[in-house]
C-alpha atoms as a PDB file:
ATOM      1  CA  UNK A   1     105.441 144.688 117.768  1.00  0.00           C
ATOM      2  CA  UNK A   2     104.442 147.796 119.818  1.00  0.00           C
ATOM      3  CA  UNK A   3     106.329 148.780 122.981  1.00  0.00           C
ATOM      4  CA  UNK A   4     103.652 149.263 125.677  1.00  0.00           C
ATOM      5  CA  UNK A   5     105.621 152.007 127.355  1.00  0.00           C
ATOM      6  CA  UNK A   6     106.098 154.243 124.318  1.00  0.00           C
ATOM      7  CA  UNK A   7     103.290 153.009 122.017  1.00  0.00           C
ATOM      8  CA  UNK A   8     105.946 152.952 119.263  1.00  0.00           C
ATOM      9  CA  UNK A   9     107.199 150.012 117.226  1.00  0.00           C
ATOM     10  CA  UNK A  10     109.897 148.133 119.121  1.00  0.00           C
ATOM     11  CA  UNK A  11     113.211 148.262 117.268  1.00  0.00           C
ATOM     12  CA  UNK A  12     114.050 145.031 115.478  1.00  0.00           C
ATOM     13  CA  UNK A  13     110.588 143.453 115.915  1.00  0.00           C
ATOM     14  CA  UNK A  14     109.634 143.499 112.232  1.00  0.00           C
ATOM     15  CA  UNK A  15     113.110 142.306 111.237  1.00  0.00           C
ATOM     16  CA  UNK A  16     112.845 139.322 113.581  1.00  0.00           C
ATOM     17  CA  UNK A  17     109.457 138.398 112.052  1.00  0.00           C
ATOM     18  CA  UNK A  18     111.007 138.503 108.587  1.00  0.00           C
ATOM     19  CA  UNK A  19     113.872 136.329 109.778  1.00  0.00           C
ATOM     20  CA  UNK A  20     111.494 133.781 111.315  1.00  0.00           C
ATOM     21  CA  UNK A  21     109.404 133.659 108.154  1.00  0.00           C
ATOM     22  CA  UNK A  22     112.556 133.183 106.097  1.00  0.00           C
ATOM     23  CA  UNK A  23     113.727 130.307 108.305  1.00  0.00           C
ATOM     24  CA  UNK A  24     110.266 128.727 108.102  1.00  0.00           C
ATOM     25  CA  UNK A  25     110.301 128.986 104.294  1.00  0.00           C
ATOM     26  CA  UNK A  26     113.710 127.300 104.123  1.00  0.00           C
ATOM     27  CA  UNK A  27     112.479 124.520 106.423  1.00  0.00           C
ATOM     28  CA  UNK A  28     109.422 123.968 104.213  1.00  0.00           C
ATOM     29  CA  UNK A  29     111.542 123.875 101.039  1.00  0.00           C
ATOM     30  CA  UNK A  30     113.945 121.402 102.630  1.00  0.00           C
ATOM     31  CA  UNK A  31     111.087 119.227 103.850  1.00  0.00           C
ATOM     32  CA  UNK A  32     109.496 119.186 100.406  1.00  0.00           C
ATOM     33  CA  UNK A  33     112.866 118.388  98.851  1.00  0.00           C
ATOM     34  CA  UNK A  34     113.449 115.515 101.248  1.00  0.00           C
ATOM     35  CA  UNK A  35     109.945 114.200 100.556  1.00  0.00           C
ATOM     36  CA  UNK A  36     110.456 114.321  96.792  1.00  0.00           C
ATOM     37  CA  UNK A  37     113.857 112.667  97.116  1.00  0.00           C
ATOM     38  CA  UNK A  38     112.346 109.928  99.282  1.00  0.00           C
ATOM     39  CA  UNK A  39     109.643 109.224  96.700  1.00  0.00           C
ATOM     40  CA  UNK A  40     111.902 109.460  93.636  1.00  0.00           C
ATOM     41  CA  UNK A  41     115.065 107.832  94.970  1.00  0.00           C
ATOM     42  CA  UNK A  42     113.617 105.032  97.084  1.00  0.00           C
ATOM     43  CA  UNK A  43     113.863 101.788  95.167  1.00  0.00           C
ATOM     44  CA  UNK A  44     112.119  98.871  96.890  1.00  0.00           C
ATOM     45  CA  UNK A  45     112.171  95.462  95.217  1.00  0.00           C
ATOM     46  CA  UNK A  46     109.274  93.025  95.520  1.00  0.00           C
ATOM     47  CA  UNK A  47     109.929  89.263  95.227  1.00  0.00           C
ATOM     48  CA  UNK A  48     107.798  87.139  92.918  1.00  0.00           C
ATOM     49  CA  UNK A  49     106.485  84.293  95.084  1.00  0.00           C
ATOM     50  CA  UNK A  50     106.177  80.639  94.103  1.00  0.00           C
ATOM     51  CA  UNK A  51     102.390  80.937  94.265  1.00  0.00           C
ATOM     52  CA  UNK A  52     102.426  83.938  91.929  1.00  0.00           C
ATOM     53  CA  UNK A  53     104.597  82.102  89.404  1.00  0.00           C
ATOM     54  CA  UNK A  54     102.362  79.043  89.640  1.00  0.00           C
ATOM     55  CA  UNK A  55      99.219  81.090  89.066  1.00  0.00           C
ATOM     56  CA  UNK A  56     100.763  82.783  86.035  1.00  0.00           C
ATOM     57  CA  UNK A  57     101.724  79.389  84.603  1.00  0.00           C
ATOM     58  CA  UNK A  58      98.203  78.062  85.079  1.00  0.00           C
ATOM     59  CA  UNK A  59      96.783  81.087  83.299  1.00  0.00           C
ATOM     60  CA  UNK A  60      99.076  80.374  80.339  1.00  0.00           C
ATOM     61  CA  UNK A  61      97.459  77.115  79.185  1.00  0.00           C
ATOM     62  CA  UNK A  62      98.039  73.369  79.341  1.00  0.00           C
ATOM     63  CA  UNK A  63     101.036  71.857  81.091  1.00  0.00           C
ATOM     64  CA  UNK A  64     102.573  69.819  78.284  1.00  0.00           C
ATOM     65  CA  UNK A  65     106.092  68.866  77.322  1.00  0.00           C
ATOM     66  CA  UNK A  66     108.056  70.855  74.761  1.00  0.00           C
ATOM     67  CA  UNK A  67     110.224  69.705  71.887  1.00  0.00           C
ATOM     68  CA  UNK A  68     110.055  66.033  70.903  1.00  0.00           C
ATOM     69  CA  UNK A  69     108.686  64.818  74.245  1.00  0.00           C
ATOM     70  CA  UNK A  70     112.103  64.231  75.846  1.00  0.00           C
ATOM     71  CA  UNK A  71     112.253  67.772  77.199  1.00  0.00           C
ATOM     72  CA  UNK A  72     111.564  68.529  80.865  1.00  0.00           C
ATOM     73  CA  UNK A  73     107.891  68.602  81.872  1.00  0.00           C
ATOM     74  CA  UNK A  74     106.450  72.077  81.683  1.00  0.00           C
ATOM     75  CA  UNK A  75     105.746  73.774  84.991  1.00  0.00           C
ATOM     76  CA  UNK A  76     107.256  75.870  87.761  1.00  0.00           C
ATOM     77  CA  UNK A  77     110.623  74.706  89.126  1.00  0.00           C
ATOM     78  CA  UNK A  78     111.750  76.016  92.508  1.00  0.00           C
ATOM     79  CA  UNK A  79     115.376  76.987  93.253  1.00  0.00           C
ATOM     80  CA  UNK A  80     117.248  77.881  96.421  1.00  0.00           C
ATOM     81  CA  UNK A  81     118.686  81.291  95.604  1.00  0.00           C
ATOM     82  CA  UNK A  82     121.351  83.678  96.821  1.00  0.00           C
ATOM     83  CA  UNK A  83     122.614  86.850  95.205  1.00  0.00           C
ATOM     84  CA  UNK A  84     121.786  90.381  94.133  1.00  0.00           C
ATOM     85  CA  UNK A  85     121.849  93.020  91.409  1.00  0.00           C
ATOM     86  CA  UNK A  86     122.907  96.637  91.840  1.00  0.00           C
ATOM     87  CA  UNK A  87     123.466  99.922  90.001  1.00  0.00           C
ATOM     88  CA  UNK A  88     125.442 103.062  90.839  1.00  0.00           C
ATOM     89  CA  UNK A  89     122.934 105.508  89.281  1.00  0.00           C
ATOM     90  CA  UNK A  90     121.692 108.434  91.404  1.00  0.00           C
ATOM     91  CA  UNK A  91     122.208 107.366  95.029  1.00  0.00           C
ATOM     92  CA  UNK A  92     122.874 103.751  94.004  1.00  0.00           C
ATOM     93  CA  UNK A  93     120.580 100.819  94.658  1.00  0.00           C
ATOM     94  CA  UNK A  94     120.879  97.111  95.416  1.00  0.00           C
ATOM     95  CA  UNK A  95     118.172  94.471  94.979  1.00  0.00           C
ATOM     96  CA  UNK A  96     118.774  91.317  97.038  1.00  0.00           C
ATOM     97  CA  UNK A  97     117.182  88.215  95.558  1.00  0.00           C
ATOM     98  CA  UNK A  98     114.821  86.156  97.734  1.00  0.00           C
ATOM     99  CA  UNK A  99     115.944  82.826  99.184  1.00  0.00           C
ATOM    100  CA  UNK A 100     113.549  80.999  96.852  1.00  0.00           C
ATOM    101  CA  UNK A 101     112.956  81.796  93.158  1.00  0.00           C
ATOM    102  CA  UNK A 102     111.323  80.014  90.234  1.00  0.00           C
ATOM    103  CA  UNK A 103     112.065  79.057  86.651  1.00  0.00           C
ATOM    104  CA  UNK A 104     108.926  78.508  84.584  1.00  0.00           C
ATOM    105  CA  UNK A 105     109.134  76.223  81.558  1.00  0.00           C
ATOM    106  CA  UNK A 106     106.352  76.592  78.993  1.00  0.00           C
ATOM    107  CA  UNK A 107     106.013  75.018  75.526  1.00  0.00           C
ATOM    108  CA  UNK A 108     105.564  77.274  72.512  1.00  0.00           C
ATOM    109  CA  UNK A 109     103.311  76.598  69.524  1.00  0.00           C
ATOM    110  CA  UNK A 110     106.293  75.787  67.290  1.00  0.00           C
ATOM    111  CA  UNK A 111     107.789  73.105  69.545  1.00  0.00           C
ATOM    112  CA  UNK A 112     110.255  75.263  71.427  1.00  0.00           C
ATOM    113  CA  UNK A 113     110.616  75.856  75.161  1.00  0.00           C
ATOM    114  CA  UNK A 114     110.166  79.199  76.907  1.00  0.00           C
ATOM    115  CA  UNK A 115     112.275  79.470  80.053  1.00  0.00           C
ATOM    116  CA  UNK A 116     111.602  82.353  82.450  1.00  0.00           C
ATOM    117  CA  UNK A 117     113.460  83.171  85.655  1.00  0.00           C
ATOM    118  CA  UNK A 118     111.685  85.901  87.643  1.00  0.00           C
ATOM    119  CA  UNK A 119     113.122  86.573  91.098  1.00  0.00           C
ATOM    120  CA  UNK A 120     111.600  90.054  91.443  1.00  0.00           C
ATOM    121  CA  UNK A 121     108.889  92.109  89.872  1.00  0.00           C
ATOM    122  CA  UNK A 122     111.796  94.373  88.930  1.00  0.00           C
ATOM    123  CA  UNK A 123     113.966  91.623  87.437  1.00  0.00           C
ATOM    124  CA  UNK A 124     113.446  88.703  85.020  1.00  0.00           C
ATOM    125  CA  UNK A 125     115.152  86.799  82.202  1.00  0.00           C
ATOM    126  CA  UNK A 126     113.383  84.877  79.446  1.00  0.00           C
ATOM    127  CA  UNK A 127     115.004  82.578  76.869  1.00  0.00           C
ATOM    128  CA  UNK A 128     113.451  80.670  73.991  1.00  0.00           C
ATOM    129  CA  UNK A 129     115.143  77.286  73.428  1.00  0.00           C
ATOM    130  CA  UNK A 130     114.459  75.214  70.315  1.00  0.00           C
ATOM    131  CA  UNK A 131     115.498  71.591  69.622  1.00  0.00           C
ATOM    132  CA  UNK A 132     118.525  71.124  67.356  1.00  0.00           C
ATOM    133  CA  UNK A 133     120.467  68.153  66.001  1.00  0.00           C
ATOM    134  CA  UNK A 134     121.817  65.539  68.403  1.00  0.00           C
ATOM    135  CA  UNK A 135     119.906  66.753  71.442  1.00  0.00           C
ATOM    136  CA  UNK A 136     121.343  70.278  71.348  1.00  0.00           C
ATOM    137  CA  UNK A 137     119.135  73.329  71.885  1.00  0.00           C
ATOM    138  CA  UNK A 138     119.358  76.631  70.013  1.00  0.00           C
ATOM    139  CA  UNK A 139     118.555  79.973  71.644  1.00  0.00           C
ATOM    140  CA  UNK A 140     117.109  82.293  68.964  1.00  0.00           C
ATOM    141  CA  UNK A 141     115.705  84.810  71.456  1.00  0.00           C
ATOM    142  CA  UNK A 142     116.727  86.165  74.840  1.00  0.00           C
ATOM    143  CA  UNK A 143     115.125  88.998  76.819  1.00  0.00           C
ATOM    144  CA  UNK A 144     116.324  90.734  79.993  1.00  0.00           C
ATOM    145  CA  UNK A 145     114.269  93.038  82.202  1.00  0.00           C
ATOM    146  CA  UNK A 146     115.444  95.351  84.988  1.00  0.00           C
ATOM    147  CA  UNK A 147     113.743  98.170  86.872  1.00  0.00           C
ATOM    148  CA  UNK A 148     115.518 100.620  89.165  1.00  0.00           C
ATOM    149  CA  UNK A 149     113.928 103.769  90.628  1.00  0.00           C
ATOM    150  CA  UNK A 150     110.688 102.870  88.794  1.00  0.00           C
ATOM    151  CA  UNK A 151     112.478 103.090  85.434  1.00  0.00           C
ATOM    152  CA  UNK A 152     111.821  99.924  83.402  1.00  0.00           C
ATOM    153  CA  UNK A 153     114.367  98.621  80.918  1.00  0.00           C
ATOM    154  CA  UNK A 154     113.644  95.715  78.570  1.00  0.00           C
ATOM    155  CA  UNK A 155     116.423  94.514  76.289  1.00  0.00           C
ATOM    156  CA  UNK A 156     115.542  91.880  73.665  1.00  0.00           C
ATOM    157  CA  UNK A 157     118.236  89.991  71.747  1.00  0.00           C
ATOM    158  CA  UNK A 158     118.111  87.934  68.566  1.00  0.00           C
ATOM    159  CA  UNK A 159     120.842  85.300  68.480  1.00  0.00           C
ATOM    160  CA  UNK A 160     122.590  83.229  65.807  1.00  0.00           C
ATOM    161  CA  UNK A 161     125.472  80.770  65.724  1.00  0.00           C
ATOM    162  CA  UNK A 162     126.064  77.405  67.352  1.00  0.00           C
ATOM    163  CA  UNK A 163     123.385  75.887  69.616  1.00  0.00           C
ATOM    164  CA  UNK A 164     123.429  77.503  73.050  1.00  0.00           C
ATOM    165  CA  UNK A 165     122.989  74.169  74.853  1.00  0.00           C
ATOM    166  CA  UNK A 166     125.354  71.485  73.504  1.00  0.00           C
ATOM    167  CA  UNK A 167     124.300  67.839  73.033  1.00  0.00           C
ATOM    168  CA  UNK A 168     124.156  65.856  76.290  1.00  0.00           C
ATOM    169  CA  UNK A 169     126.938  63.549  75.082  1.00  0.00           C
ATOM    170  CA  UNK A 170     129.346  66.398  74.294  1.00  0.00           C
ATOM    171  CA  UNK A 171     132.890  65.627  75.357  1.00  0.00           C
ATOM    172  CA  UNK A 172     134.774  67.749  77.915  1.00  0.00           C
ATOM    173  CA  UNK A 173     136.645  70.499  76.122  1.00  0.00           C
ATOM    174  CA  UNK A 174     134.016  70.892  73.393  1.00  0.00           C
ATOM    175  CA  UNK A 175     133.640  74.580  72.513  1.00  0.00           C
ATOM    176  CA  UNK A 176     130.994  76.574  70.670  1.00  0.00           C
ATOM    177  CA  UNK A 177     130.094  80.226  70.032  1.00  0.00           C
ATOM    178  CA  UNK A 178     127.219  82.534  69.184  1.00  0.00           C
ATOM    179  CA  UNK A 179     126.340  86.211  68.730  1.00  0.00           C
ATOM    180  CA  UNK A 180     123.303  88.214  69.845  1.00  0.00           C
ATOM    181  CA  UNK A 181     122.141  91.693  68.854  1.00  0.00           C
ATOM    182  CA  UNK A 182     119.737  94.104  70.519  1.00  0.00           C
ATOM    183  CA  UNK A 183     118.427  97.317  68.922  1.00  0.00           C
ATOM    184  CA  UNK A 184     118.333  98.976  72.328  1.00  0.00           C
ATOM    185  CA  UNK A 185     116.086  99.530  75.318  1.00  0.00           C
ATOM    186  CA  UNK A 186     113.957 102.285  76.804  1.00  0.00           C
ATOM    187  CA  UNK A 187     117.017 104.086  78.196  1.00  0.00           C
ATOM    188  CA  UNK A 188     120.088 103.041  76.209  1.00  0.00           C
ATOM    189  CA  UNK A 189     121.113 102.189  72.662  1.00  0.00           C
ATOM    190  CA  UNK A 190     122.098  99.069  70.743  1.00  0.00           C
ATOM    191  CA  UNK A 191     124.332  96.326  72.077  1.00  0.00           C
ATOM    192  CA  UNK A 192     126.115  93.324  70.582  1.00  0.00           C
ATOM    193  CA  UNK A 193     126.984  90.139  72.485  1.00  0.00           C
ATOM    194  CA  UNK A 194     129.749  87.688  71.612  1.00  0.00           C
ATOM    195  CA  UNK A 195     129.574  84.439  73.524  1.00  0.00           C
ATOM    196  CA  UNK A 196     131.624  81.292  73.866  1.00  0.00           C
ATOM    197  CA  UNK A 197     130.837  78.072  75.689  1.00  0.00           C
ATOM    198  CA  UNK A 198     132.909  75.118  76.847  1.00  0.00           C
ATOM    199  CA  UNK A 199     131.852  71.736  78.157  1.00  0.00           C
ATOM    200  CA  UNK A 200     133.551  71.135  81.504  1.00  0.00           C
ATOM    201  CA  UNK A 201     132.313  67.574  82.049  1.00  0.00           C
ATOM    202  CA  UNK A 202     129.828  65.410  83.922  1.00  0.00           C
ATOM    203  CA  UNK A 203     129.400  66.274  87.606  1.00  0.00           C
ATOM    204  CA  UNK A 204     126.806  65.573  90.290  1.00  0.00           C
ATOM    205  CA  UNK A 205     124.253  67.941  91.758  1.00  0.00           C
ATOM    206  CA  UNK A 206     122.157  66.903  94.749  1.00  0.00           C
ATOM    207  CA  UNK A 207     118.405  67.401  94.382  1.00  0.00           C
ATOM    208  CA  UNK A 208     116.084  66.200  97.160  1.00  0.00           C
ATOM    209  CA  UNK A 209     118.851  64.037  98.603  1.00  0.00           C
ATOM    210  CA  UNK A 210     119.637  62.333  95.267  1.00  0.00           C
ATOM    211  CA  UNK A 211     122.937  62.866  93.438  1.00  0.00           C
ATOM    212  CA  UNK A 212     122.009  63.483  89.811  1.00  0.00           C
ATOM    213  CA  UNK A 213     124.392  63.469  86.855  1.00  0.00           C
ATOM    214  CA  UNK A 214     124.683  66.849  85.182  1.00  0.00           C
ATOM    215  CA  UNK A 215     126.690  68.235  82.290  1.00  0.00           C
ATOM    216  CA  UNK A 216     128.622  71.273  83.485  1.00  0.00           C
ATOM    217  CA  UNK A 217     128.883  73.980  80.805  1.00  0.00           C
ATOM    218  CA  UNK A 218     130.753  77.276  81.234  1.00  0.00           C
ATOM    219  CA  UNK A 219     129.699  80.367  79.273  1.00  0.00           C
ATOM    220  CA  UNK A 220     131.592  83.631  78.773  1.00  0.00           C
ATOM    221  CA  UNK A 221     130.141  86.722  77.124  1.00  0.00           C
ATOM    222  CA  UNK A 222     131.366  90.167  76.137  1.00  0.00           C
ATOM    223  CA  UNK A 223     129.018  93.017  75.254  1.00  0.00           C
ATOM    224  CA  UNK A 224     129.864  95.961  72.996  1.00  0.00           C
ATOM    225  CA  UNK A 225     127.996  98.957  71.589  1.00  0.00           C
ATOM    226  CA  UNK A 226     126.162 101.544  73.682  1.00  0.00           C
ATOM    227  CA  UNK A 227     126.262  98.981  76.492  1.00  0.00           C
ATOM    228  CA  UNK A 228     129.572  97.292  77.290  1.00  0.00           C
ATOM    229  CA  UNK A 229     130.469  94.564  79.727  1.00  0.00           C
ATOM    230  CA  UNK A 230     131.334  90.942  80.372  1.00  0.00           C
ATOM    231  CA  UNK A 231     129.999  87.984  82.298  1.00  0.00           C
ATOM    232  CA  UNK A 232     130.566  84.371  83.271  1.00  0.00           C
ATOM    233  CA  UNK A 233     127.826  81.789  83.670  1.00  0.00           C
ATOM    234  CA  UNK A 234     128.172  78.172  84.831  1.00  0.00           C
ATOM    235  CA  UNK A 235     125.214  75.851  84.236  1.00  0.00           C
ATOM    236  CA  UNK A 236     124.678  72.223  85.242  1.00  0.00           C
ATOM    237  CA  UNK A 237     122.100  70.504  82.964  1.00  0.00           C
ATOM    238  CA  UNK A 238     120.349  67.298  84.103  1.00  0.00           C
ATOM    239  CA  UNK A 239     121.394  64.413  81.843  1.00  0.00           C
ATOM    240  CA  UNK A 240     118.209  62.447  82.566  1.00  0.00           C
ATOM    241  CA  UNK A 241     115.921  65.448  82.011  1.00  0.00           C
ATOM    242  CA  UNK A 242     117.733  67.394  79.318  1.00  0.00           C
ATOM    243  CA  UNK A 243     118.175  70.402  79.422  1.00  0.00           C
ATOM    244  CA  UNK A 244     116.686  71.096  82.879  1.00  0.00           C
ATOM    245  CA  UNK A 245     118.948  73.395  84.896  1.00  0.00           C
ATOM    246  CA  UNK A 246     119.976  71.820  88.202  1.00  0.00           C
ATOM    247  CA  UNK A 247     122.369  74.576  89.221  1.00  0.00           C
ATOM    248  CA  UNK A 248     123.423  77.947  87.837  1.00  0.00           C
ATOM    249  CA  UNK A 249     126.045  80.480  88.942  1.00  0.00           C
ATOM    250  CA  UNK A 250     126.474  83.918  87.389  1.00  0.00           C
ATOM    251  CA  UNK A 251     128.915  86.815  87.806  1.00  0.00           C
ATOM    252  CA  UNK A 252     128.779  89.779  85.459  1.00  0.00           C
ATOM    253  CA  UNK A 253     128.238  93.435  84.837  1.00  0.00           C
ATOM    254  CA  UNK A 254     127.959  96.132  82.226  1.00  0.00           C
ATOM    255  CA  UNK A 255     128.062  99.882  81.696  1.00  0.00           C
ATOM    256  CA  UNK A 256     125.350 101.679  79.717  1.00  0.00           C
ATOM    257  CA  UNK A 257     125.266 105.223  78.371  1.00  0.00           C
ATOM    258  CA  UNK A 258     122.004 106.880  79.447  1.00  0.00           C
ATOM    259  CA  UNK A 259     120.535 110.387  79.629  1.00  0.00           C
ATOM    260  CA  UNK A 260     122.009 110.780  83.140  1.00  0.00           C
ATOM    261  CA  UNK A 261     125.442 109.512  82.116  1.00  0.00           C
ATOM    262  CA  UNK A 262     127.193 106.153  82.425  1.00  0.00           C
ATOM    263  CA  UNK A 263     125.340 103.679  84.640  1.00  0.00           C
ATOM    264  CA  UNK A 264     127.225 100.654  85.954  1.00  0.00           C
ATOM    265  CA  UNK A 265     125.333  97.443  86.692  1.00  0.00           C
ATOM    266  CA  UNK A 266     126.547  94.326  88.534  1.00  0.00           C
ATOM    267  CA  UNK A 267     124.883  90.991  89.215  1.00  0.00           C
ATOM    268  CA  UNK A 268     125.897  87.897  91.184  1.00  0.00           C
ATOM    269  CA  UNK A 269     123.734  84.892  92.032  1.00  0.00           C
ATOM    270  CA  UNK A 270     123.483  81.129  92.494  1.00  0.00           C
ATOM    271  CA  UNK A 271     120.460  78.874  91.871  1.00  0.00           C
ATOM    272  CA  UNK A 272     120.120  75.250  93.013  1.00  0.00           C
ATOM    273  CA  UNK A 273     117.046  73.146  92.198  1.00  0.00           C
ATOM    274  CA  UNK A 274     115.153  72.075  95.322  1.00  0.00           C
ATOM    275  CA  UNK A 275     112.475  69.756  93.869  1.00  0.00           C
ATOM    276  CA  UNK A 276     112.720  67.343  90.955  1.00  0.00           C
ATOM    277  CA  UNK A 277     109.112  67.666  89.839  1.00  0.00           C
ATOM    278  CA  UNK A 278     107.611  71.011  88.808  1.00  0.00           C
ATOM    279  CA  UNK A 279     104.566  72.681  90.299  1.00  0.00           C
ATOM    280  CA  UNK A 280     101.494  73.041  88.101  1.00  0.00           C
END
């Protein structure tokens, strides 16, 4: 800047301009950094609606029964839901489950039953159940899907051992066990699951104002390998529509080794069936 009285550069003028440009550059860098962090670290979760689940079921083929014809009718079952999942990676994130979620039952070509719970676009479980002796059901396959910070993780297990769902006439105190193995996922390595189940007994669960008899089964699992953890799952299966889930309560968590270090995951939820007949 020129001093009008002397026609000479005013002392400090150029230095102040440099300082202002430096401050402006820092502000721009910070703004860009905040914008990138907002895009990368924000982790919204989108619920899967009943209508979306119903449309997907309709696109999958005919609504027929699975197994030997005594299995629950195929379709979309609606559950009152409470709970969440969360991780401590990066800034941490929690996905709250919607108040209403669905379990879709679909028959497979080989007489088994595909059971899919999908509360969020970022979260679903899918089990394959196949008829076994005495009304029991085996679970040869189980798949879990999670997505945090737009990073998808699909973990598929192959399972062996005792049937996962005991016979409907199993006595209280009956125990069983199984193992499942996964080769890994997109972000972590192999894992091994050891599970045990115990029949608690016959209890009642209210569905649409009707008290329905249900066999209460308690499951406990431990996971080892590159992912480690433990969980408890209580399931109430309808005795007059075996093995339809009337109620389910889960508490569990695990730790996985990833490229950004150890990531801890926790999940807690409860499902209660709200309508006896499925949507189709």
